[in-house]
C-alpha atoms as a PDB file:
ATOM      1  CA  MET A   1     176.766  58.854 -17.922  1.00  0.00           C
ATOM      2  CA  GLU A   2     174.385  61.681 -17.032  1.00  0.00           C
ATOM      3  CA  LEU A   3     172.201  59.251 -15.073  1.00  0.00           C
ATOM      4  CA  LEU A   4     175.209  58.064 -13.094  1.00  0.00           C
ATOM      5  CA  VAL A   5     176.160  61.644 -12.206  1.00  0.00           C
ATOM      6  CA  ASP A   6     172.569  62.338 -11.098  1.00  0.00           C
ATOM      7  CA  LEU A   7     172.584  59.157  -9.003  1.00  0.00           C
ATOM      8  CA  GLN A   8     175.871  60.125  -7.368  1.00  0.00           C
ATOM      9  CA  GLN A   9     174.627  63.644  -6.626  1.00  0.00           C
ATOM     10  CA  LYS A  10     171.388  62.390  -5.068  1.00  0.00           C
ATOM     11  CA  THR A  11     173.223  59.777  -3.015  1.00  0.00           C
ATOM     12  CA  SER A  12     175.793  62.329  -1.812  1.00  0.00           C
ATOM     13  CA  ALA A  13     173.020  64.763  -0.879  1.00  0.00           C
ATOM     14  CA  THR A  14     171.357  62.045   1.188  1.00  0.00           C
ATOM     15  CA  LEU A  15     174.620  61.259   2.978  1.00  0.00           C
ATOM     16  CA  GLN A  16     175.058  64.941   3.881  1.00  0.00           C
ATOM     17  CA  LYS A  17     172.089  64.646   6.253  1.00  0.00           C
ATOM     18  CA  TYR A  18     174.156  62.389   8.515  1.00  0.00           C
ATOM     19  CA  PRO A  19     177.265  63.672  10.320  1.00  0.00           C
ATOM     20  CA  GLU A  20     178.326  60.043  10.920  1.00  0.00           C
ATOM     21  CA  PRO A  21     176.723  57.913   8.185  1.00  0.00           C
ATOM     22  CA  LYS A  22     178.445  54.789   9.519  1.00  0.00           C
ATOM     23  CA  ASP A  23     176.469  55.170  12.761  1.00  0.00           C
ATOM     24  CA  ALA A  24     173.180  55.612  10.901  1.00  0.00           C
ATOM     25  CA  LEU A  25     173.604  53.025   8.173  1.00  0.00           C
ATOM     26  CA  ILE A  26     170.019  51.717   8.224  1.00  0.00           C
ATOM     27  CA  SER A  27     168.650  55.268   8.035  1.00  0.00           C
ATOM     28  CA  VAL A  28     171.038  56.118   5.203  1.00  0.00           C
ATOM     29  CA  LEU A  29     169.905  53.055   3.244  1.00  0.00           C
ATOM     30  CA  GLN A  30     166.243  53.850   3.930  1.00  0.00           C
ATOM     31  CA  ASP A  31     166.699  57.414   2.675  1.00  0.00           C
ATOM     32  CA  VAL A  32     168.555  56.311  -0.448  1.00  0.00           C
ATOM     33  CA  GLN A  33     165.826  53.770  -1.172  1.00  0.00           C
ATOM     34  CA  GLU A  34     163.220  56.509  -0.704  1.00  0.00           C
ATOM     35  CA  VAL A  35     164.968  58.581  -3.383  1.00  0.00           C
ATOM     36  CA  PHE A  36     165.277  55.811  -5.984  1.00  0.00           C
ATOM     37  CA  GLY A  37     162.551  53.325  -5.007  1.00  0.00           C
ATOM     38  CA  TYR A  38     165.239  50.690  -4.442  1.00  0.00           C
ATOM     39  CA  LEU A  39     168.974  50.505  -3.688  1.00  0.00           C
ATOM     40  CA  PRO A  40     170.819  50.775  -7.007  1.00  0.00           C
ATOM     41  CA  GLU A  41     174.204  49.063  -7.081  1.00  0.00           C
ATOM     42  CA  ASP A  42     175.828  52.339  -8.153  1.00  0.00           C
ATOM     43  CA  ALA A  43     174.310  54.109  -5.128  1.00  0.00           C
ATOM     44  CA  LEU A  44     175.801  51.461  -2.831  1.00  0.00           C
ATOM     45  CA  ARG A  45     179.198  51.974  -4.492  1.00  0.00           C
ATOM     46  CA  CYS A  46     178.855  55.728  -3.942  1.00  0.00           C
ATOM     47  CA  ILE A  47     177.985  55.207  -0.249  1.00  0.00           C
ATOM     48  CA  ALA A  48     180.957  52.864   0.078  1.00  0.00           C
ATOM     49  CA  ALA A  49     183.318  55.395  -1.514  1.00  0.00           C
ATOM     50  CA  GLU A  50     182.110  58.289   0.648  1.00  0.00           C
ATOM     51  CA  THR A  51     181.923  56.442   3.971  1.00  0.00           C
ATOM     52  CA  GLY A  52     184.695  53.868   3.745  1.00  0.00           C
ATOM     53  CA  ILE A  53     182.195  51.072   4.412  1.00  0.00           C
ATOM     54  CA  ALA A  54     182.914  48.086   2.191  1.00  0.00           C
ATOM     55  CA  ALA A  55     180.374  47.662  -0.613  1.00  0.00           C
ATOM     56  CA  SER A  56     180.026  44.006   0.382  1.00  0.00           C
ATOM     57  CA  GLN A  57     179.062  45.064   3.915  1.00  0.00           C
ATOM     58  CA  LEU A  58     176.438  47.479   2.556  1.00  0.00           C
ATOM     59  CA  THR A  59     175.025  44.753   0.330  1.00  0.00           C
ATOM     60  CA  GLY A  60     175.014  42.356   3.281  1.00  0.00           C
ATOM     61  CA  VAL A  61     173.061  44.779   5.467  1.00  0.00           C
ATOM     62  CA  ALA A  62     170.637  45.650   2.665  1.00  0.00           C
ATOM     63  CA  SER A  63     169.982  42.025   1.755  1.00  0.00           C
ATOM     64  CA  PHE A  64     169.513  41.016   5.415  1.00  0.00           C
ATOM     65  CA  TYR A  65     166.540  43.318   6.011  1.00  0.00           C
ATOM     66  CA  ALA A  66     163.321  42.604   4.107  1.00  0.00           C
ATOM     67  CA  GLN A  67     162.509  46.318   3.865  1.00  0.00           C
ATOM     68  CA  PHE A  68     165.272  46.897   1.314  1.00  0.00           C
ATOM     69  CA  ARG A  69     164.887  46.232  -2.395  1.00  0.00           C
ATOM     70  CA  MET A  70     167.953  45.585  -4.517  1.00  0.00           C
ATOM     71  CA  GLU A  71     166.006  45.467  -7.774  1.00  0.00           C
ATOM     72  CA  LYS A  72     164.021  48.285  -9.312  1.00  0.00           C
ATOM     73  CA  PRO A  73     160.336  47.707  -8.517  1.00  0.00           C
ATOM     74  CA  GLY A  74     157.623  47.820 -11.128  1.00  0.00           C
ATOM     75  CA  LYS A  75     155.666  50.959 -11.861  1.00  0.00           C
ATOM     76  CA  TYR A  76     152.747  49.243 -10.129  1.00  0.00           C
ATOM     77  CA  GLN A  77     153.789  47.765  -6.795  1.00  0.00           C
ATOM     78  CA  ILE A  78     151.267  45.181  -5.687  1.00  0.00           C
ATOM     79  CA  MET A  79     150.997  44.133  -2.041  1.00  0.00           C
ATOM     80  CA  VAL A  80     148.859  41.070  -1.389  1.00  0.00           C
ATOM     81  CA  CYS A  81     147.552  40.871   2.160  1.00  0.00           C
ATOM     82  CA  MET A  82     148.130  37.641   4.054  1.00  0.00           C
ATOM     83  CA  GLY A  83     146.706  38.818   7.395  1.00  0.00           C
ATOM     84  CA  THR A  84     144.252  36.702   9.365  1.00  0.00           C
ATOM     85  CA  ALA A  85     141.066  37.996   7.720  1.00  0.00           C
ATOM     86  CA  CYS A  86     142.551  37.693   4.241  1.00  0.00           C
ATOM     87  CA  HIS A  87     143.963  34.266   5.013  1.00  0.00           C
ATOM     88  CA  VAL A  88     140.564  33.035   6.199  1.00  0.00           C
ATOM     89  CA  ASN A  89     138.970  34.514   3.065  1.00  0.00           C
ATOM     90  CA  LYS A  90     141.405  32.781   0.679  1.00  0.00           C
ATOM     91  CA  GLY A  91     144.068  35.467   0.291  1.00  0.00           C
ATOM     92  CA  GLU A  92     146.402  32.845  -1.126  1.00  0.00           C
ATOM     93  CA  ARG A  93     144.112  32.667  -4.171  1.00  0.00           C
ATOM     94  CA  VAL A  94     144.695  36.383  -4.717  1.00  0.00           C
ATOM     95  CA  ALA A  95     148.449  35.781  -4.594  1.00  0.00           C
ATOM     96  CA  ASP A  96     148.066  32.891  -7.054  1.00  0.00           C
ATOM     97  CA  ALA A  97     146.062  35.135  -9.406  1.00  0.00           C
ATOM     98  CA  VAL A  98     148.615  37.943  -9.191  1.00  0.00           C
ATOM     99  CA  ARG A  99     151.367  35.441  -9.971  1.00  0.00           C
ATOM    100  CA  GLU A 100     149.381  34.068 -12.915  1.00  0.00           C
ATOM    101  CA  PHE A 101     148.347  37.393 -14.459  1.00  0.00           C
ATOM    102  CA  THR A 102     151.638  39.221 -13.982  1.00  0.00           C
ATOM    103  CA  GLY A 103     153.689  36.177 -14.960  1.00  0.00           C
ATOM    104  CA  VAL A 104     156.280  36.738 -12.226  1.00  0.00           C
ATOM    105  CA  GLU A 105     156.990  35.315  -8.805  1.00  0.00           C
ATOM    106  CA  GLU A 106     156.806  37.306  -5.598  1.00  0.00           C
ATOM    107  CA  GLY A 107     159.675  39.800  -5.383  1.00  0.00           C
ATOM    108  CA  GLU A 108     160.223  39.874  -9.147  1.00  0.00           C
ATOM    109  CA  THR A 109     159.405  42.578 -11.670  1.00  0.00           C
ATOM    110  CA  THR A 110     157.753  41.950 -15.021  1.00  0.00           C
ATOM    111  CA  PRO A 111     160.090  42.310 -18.029  1.00  0.00           C
ATOM    112  CA  ASP A 112     158.151  45.406 -19.157  1.00  0.00           C
ATOM    113  CA  GLY A 113     158.789  47.041 -15.765  1.00  0.00           C
ATOM    114  CA  LEU A 114     155.081  47.456 -15.033  1.00  0.00           C
ATOM    115  CA  PHE A 115     154.436  45.105 -12.112  1.00  0.00           C
ATOM    116  CA  SER A 116     156.189  43.812  -9.042  1.00  0.00           C
ATOM    117  CA  TRP A 117     154.483  42.194  -6.118  1.00  0.00           C
ATOM    118  CA  GLU A 118     154.924  40.910  -2.617  1.00  0.00           C
ATOM    119  CA  GLU A 119     152.929  39.299   0.139  1.00  0.00           C
ATOM    120  CA  VAL A 120     152.559  41.411   3.290  1.00  0.00           C
ATOM    121  CA  ALA A 121     151.488  40.557   6.824  1.00  0.00           C
ATOM    122  CA  CYS A 122     148.514  42.931   6.963  1.00  0.00           C
ATOM    123  CA  LEU A 123     147.207  45.942   5.062  1.00  0.00           C
ATOM    124  CA  GLY A 124     144.656  46.900   7.736  1.00  0.00           C
ATOM    125  CA  CYS A 125     141.709  46.595   5.344  1.00  0.00           C
ATOM    126  CA  CYS A 126     140.160  43.552   7.011  1.00  0.00           C
ATOM    127  CA  SER A 127     136.575  44.464   6.086  1.00  0.00           C
ATOM    128  CA  LEU A 128     137.598  44.262   2.405  1.00  0.00           C
ATOM    129  CA  SER A 129     139.292  40.871   2.658  1.00  0.00           C
ATOM    130  CA  PRO A 130     140.778  39.390   0.666  1.00  0.00           C
ATOM    131  CA  VAL A 131     142.593  42.545  -0.375  1.00  0.00           C
ATOM    132  CA  MET A 132     145.578  43.793  -2.301  1.00  0.00           C
ATOM    133  CA  MET A 133     147.011  47.280  -2.581  1.00  0.00           C
ATOM    134  CA  ILE A 134     148.549  48.795  -5.688  1.00  0.00           C
ATOM    135  CA  ASN A 135     150.528  52.017  -5.236  1.00  0.00           C
ATOM    136  CA  GLY A 136     148.468  52.921  -2.177  1.00  0.00           C
ATOM    137  CA  THR A 137     145.026  52.057  -3.583  1.00  0.00           C
ATOM    138  CA  ALA A 138     143.211  49.170  -1.888  1.00  0.00           C
ATOM    139  CA  TYR A 139     141.281  46.654  -3.951  1.00  0.00           C
ATOM    140  CA  GLY A 140     139.002  44.410  -1.932  1.00  0.00           C
ATOM    141  CA  LYS A 141     136.572  41.519  -1.983  1.00  0.00           C
ATOM    142  CA  LEU A 142     138.855  39.976  -4.561  1.00  0.00           C
ATOM    143  CA  ASP A 143     138.614  36.796  -6.551  1.00  0.00           C
ATOM    144  CA  LYS A 144     140.588  35.561  -9.542  1.00  0.00           C
ATOM    145  CA  ASP A 145     138.413  37.396 -12.088  1.00  0.00           C
ATOM    146  CA  LYS A 146     138.679  40.740 -10.258  1.00  0.00           C
ATOM    147  CA  VAL A 147     142.468  40.425 -10.002  1.00  0.00           C
ATOM    148  CA  LYS A 148     142.654  39.661 -13.721  1.00  0.00           C
ATOM    149  CA  LYS A 149     140.489  42.694 -14.554  1.00  0.00           C
ATOM    150  CA  ILE A 150     142.525  45.063 -12.363  1.00  0.00           C
ATOM    151  CA  ILE A 151     145.842  43.938 -13.843  1.00  0.00           C
ATOM    152  CA  ASN A 152     144.489  44.012 -17.402  1.00  0.00           C
ATOM    153  CA  ASP A 153     142.987  47.487 -16.846  1.00  0.00           C
ATOM    154  CA  LEU A 154     146.375  48.775 -15.689  1.00  0.00           C
ATOM    155  CA  ARG A 155     148.103  47.171 -18.678  1.00  0.00           C
ATOM    156  CA  ASN A 156     145.547  48.655 -21.065  1.00  0.00           C
ATOM    157  CA  ALA A 157     145.923  52.101 -19.484  1.00  0.00           C
ATOM    158  CA  GLU A 158     149.659  51.887 -20.169  1.00  0.00           C
ATOM    159  CA  LYS A 159     148.990  51.000 -23.797  1.00  0.00           C
ATOM    160  CA  GLY A 160     146.675  53.998 -24.172  1.00  0.00           C
ATOM    161  CA  GLY A 161     143.540  51.928 -23.827  1.00  0.00           C
ATOM    162  CA  GLU A 162     140.744  52.404 -21.341  1.00  0.00           C
ATOM    163  CA  GLY A 163     141.715  53.755 -17.947  1.00  0.00           C
ATOM    164  CA  ALA A 164     142.093  51.575 -14.904  1.00  0.00           C
ATOM    165  CA  CYS A 165     139.175  51.219 -12.559  1.00  0.00           C
ATOM    166  CA  VAL A 166     139.232  50.887  -8.815  1.00  0.00           C
ATOM    167  CA  CYS A 167     137.217  47.834  -7.816  1.00  0.00           C
ATOM    168  CA  SER A 168     135.936  47.362  -4.301  1.00  0.00           C
END
């Protein structure tokens, strides 16, 4: 119950920034997602109640745009680059390795809440291709073994094992 009250307060505070939230719906959704890391269903209900916009309309807008997440992302958000340089240098193998070693498909979150991942158009790290980024840290010159090591290092760090390393 306390979490729901906190969610409602944070969502209401975000709405206060907009005199006409209906006219700034995308910005409202972006700001709410910034607060929570995704768009919780309860936050959408709160927006609906405070603005008079139907919850189904909010969900429709949020699900239409790729920038919005309806599910809570993992603690480690992995972005696999699929830009030209990464594509030429077998970026799809990086995506395959991430899929294999996290055990989830693109857009999903691991059951333990540690990892979620997505393919992105370009990370701007072409000299490191193929590359992936995890929570803002770029990992480059990747192959299947390096991806496995990075993911395992992060898992081990969560279990109190050795810390994660940044591989280049």
